[in-house]
Amino acid sequence: EVQLQASGGGLVQAGGSLRLSCAASGFTFNEYDIGWFRQAPGKEREGVSCISSREGNTYYADSVKGRFTISSDNAKNTVYLHLNSLKPEDTAVYYCAATRQVCAVSYFPSDFGSWGQGTQVTVSS
């Protein structure tokens, strides 16, 4: 069974940083790419970033490009999302998800078949 566990969220002031973690089990990174999504109250879930070990590429939404960094530690079977220069509009529940396709053709939540629980990120000021 594919399992994903997101963690690392919290409360931070504007301009601060957080590191989110997505621990994966039940699959290998040569079978799935991993994406991060977020959903704010009253808004639809939106893609934030994606990492493809098979492509050797990373992807970012324009709203976070230059501020967020996605990375992976294959030895730990974990994907990270480093959130820097946080803004209040970054406040949302952040989810990690896995797709059998590759990031280049995976843009929407429906493209990802496996999901972890969300972790809350709240940015004040």
Protein backbone atom coordinates (compact mmCIF):
# COMPACT_ATOMS: atom_id res chain seq x y z
CA GLU A 1 0.00 0.00 0.00
CA VAL A 2 1.29 3.43 -0.94
CA GLN A 3 1.45 5.65 2.13
CA LEU A 4 2.46 9.28 2.49
CA GLN A 5 2.81 11.23 5.71
CA ALA A 6 3.16 15.00 5.64
CA SER A 7 4.56 16.88 8.61
CA GLY A 8 6.42 20.02 9.59
CA GLY A 9 3.72 22.65 9.46
CA GLY A 10 3.29 25.30 12.08
CA LEU A 11 2.79 28.95 12.87
CA VAL A 12 5.37 31.38 11.56
CA GLN A 13 5.58 35.12 11.04
CA ALA A 14 5.78 36.65 7.59
CA GLY A 15 9.28 36.34 6.21
CA GLY A 16 9.97 33.21 8.19
CA SER A 17 10.68 29.68 7.04
CA LEU A 18 9.45 26.15 7.51
CA ARG A 19 10.48 22.75 6.22
CA LEU A 20 7.74 20.32 5.35
CA SER A 21 8.45 16.61 5.08
CA CYS A 22 6.67 13.88 3.15
CA ALA A 23 7.65 10.39 4.25
CA ALA A 24 6.78 7.76 1.67
CA SER A 25 6.44 4.01 1.94
CA GLY A 26 5.11 1.18 -0.18
CA PHE A 27 6.72 2.35 -3.42
CA THR A 28 9.97 3.54 -4.93
CA PHE A 29 10.75 6.83 -6.56
CA ASN A 30 11.33 5.16 -9.91
CA GLU A 31 7.62 4.40 -9.95
CA TYR A 32 6.12 7.67 -8.70
CA ASP A 33 6.73 11.39 -8.74
CA ILE A 34 5.85 13.44 -5.67
CA GLY A 35 3.97 16.71 -5.62
CA TRP A 36 2.97 19.24 -3.00
CA PHE A 37 -0.43 20.91 -2.98
CA ARG A 38 -2.06 23.40 -0.69
CA GLN A 39 -5.60 24.39 0.11
CA ALA A 40 -6.67 27.53 1.90
CA PRO A 41 -10.13 27.93 3.45
CA GLY A 42 -12.73 28.57 0.79
CA LYS A 43 -10.30 27.92 -2.06
CA GLU A 44 -9.60 25.00 -4.34
CA ARG A 45 -6.56 22.82 -3.88
CA GLU A 46 -3.67 24.12 -5.93
CA GLY A 47 -0.38 22.63 -7.02
CA VAL A 48 2.71 24.09 -5.38
CA SER A 49 5.66 21.99 -6.45
CA CYS A 50 6.62 18.62 -7.89
CA ILE A 51 9.79 16.56 -7.99
CA SER A 52 10.51 13.87 -10.56
CA SER A 53 13.39 11.50 -9.94
CA ARG A 54 12.66 9.87 -13.29
CA GLU A 55 12.85 13.15 -15.18
CA GLY A 56 15.49 14.68 -12.95
CA ASN A 57 13.40 17.84 -12.79
CA THR A 58 11.59 20.00 -10.29
CA TYR A 59 8.59 22.25 -10.84
CA TYR A 60 7.11 25.21 -8.99
CA ALA A 61 3.99 27.30 -9.15
CA ASP A 62 4.71 30.88 -10.14
CA SER A 63 3.41 32.08 -6.79
CA VAL A 64 6.16 30.26 -4.89
CA LYS A 65 9.02 30.18 -7.38
CA GLY A 66 12.15 31.58 -5.83
CA ARG A 67 10.80 31.14 -2.30
CA PHE A 68 10.08 27.41 -2.01
CA THR A 69 12.47 24.57 -2.74
CA ILE A 70 11.58 20.92 -3.19
CA SER A 71 14.14 18.20 -2.58
CA SER A 72 14.36 14.50 -1.85
CA ASP A 73 16.40 12.18 0.30
CA ASN A 74 16.11 8.78 -1.31
CA ALA A 75 17.89 7.06 1.57
CA LYS A 76 15.14 8.25 3.87
CA ASN A 77 12.43 7.87 1.22
CA THR A 78 11.39 11.41 2.03
CA VAL A 79 10.56 14.51 0.01
CA TYR A 80 10.96 17.95 1.53
CA LEU A 81 9.47 21.33 0.76
CA HIS A 82 11.46 24.25 2.11
CA LEU A 83 9.22 27.27 2.54
CA ASN A 84 11.15 30.53 2.72
CA SER A 85 10.12 34.18 2.77
CA LEU A 86 6.66 33.13 3.80
CA LYS A 87 3.71 35.40 3.18
CA PRO A 88 0.28 35.42 4.82
CA GLU A 89 -1.19 34.23 1.53
CA ASP A 90 0.84 31.04 1.90
CA THR A 91 -1.41 30.05 4.79
CA ALA A 92 -3.04 26.74 3.90
CA VAL A 93 -3.12 23.06 4.59
CA TYR A 94 -0.25 21.51 2.64
CA TYR A 95 -0.53 18.02 1.18
CA CYS A 96 1.94 15.71 -0.51
CA ALA A 97 0.77 13.32 -3.19
CA ALA A 98 2.14 10.69 -5.57
CA THR A 99 1.51 10.19 -9.27
CA ARG A 100 2.35 7.27 -11.54
CA GLN A 101 2.92 9.76 -14.33
CA VAL A 102 5.65 12.38 -14.25
CA CYS A 103 5.54 15.93 -12.98
CA ALA A 104 5.67 17.33 -16.50
CA VAL A 105 2.18 16.00 -17.21
CA SER A 106 0.78 16.20 -13.68
CA TYR A 107 -0.76 19.55 -12.79
CA PHE A 108 -4.01 18.92 -10.95
CA PRO A 109 -5.03 16.99 -7.85
CA SER A 110 -6.80 14.45 -10.05
CA ASP A 111 -3.45 13.54 -11.60
CA PHE A 112 -2.24 12.22 -8.25
CA GLY A 113 -3.62 8.94 -7.01
CA SER A 114 -2.16 8.73 -3.51
CA TRP A 115 -2.34 11.41 -0.84
CA GLY A 116 -0.98 12.02 2.59
CA GLN A 117 -2.73 13.85 5.36
CA GLY A 118 -2.35 17.59 5.35
CA THR A 119 -0.12 19.69 7.56
CA GLN A 120 -1.22 23.19 8.52
CA VAL A 121 0.96 26.17 7.67
CA THR A 122 -0.13 29.47 9.16
CA VAL A 123 1.71 32.70 8.37
CA SER A 124 0.92 35.72 10.51
CA SER A 125 1.26 39.43 9.73
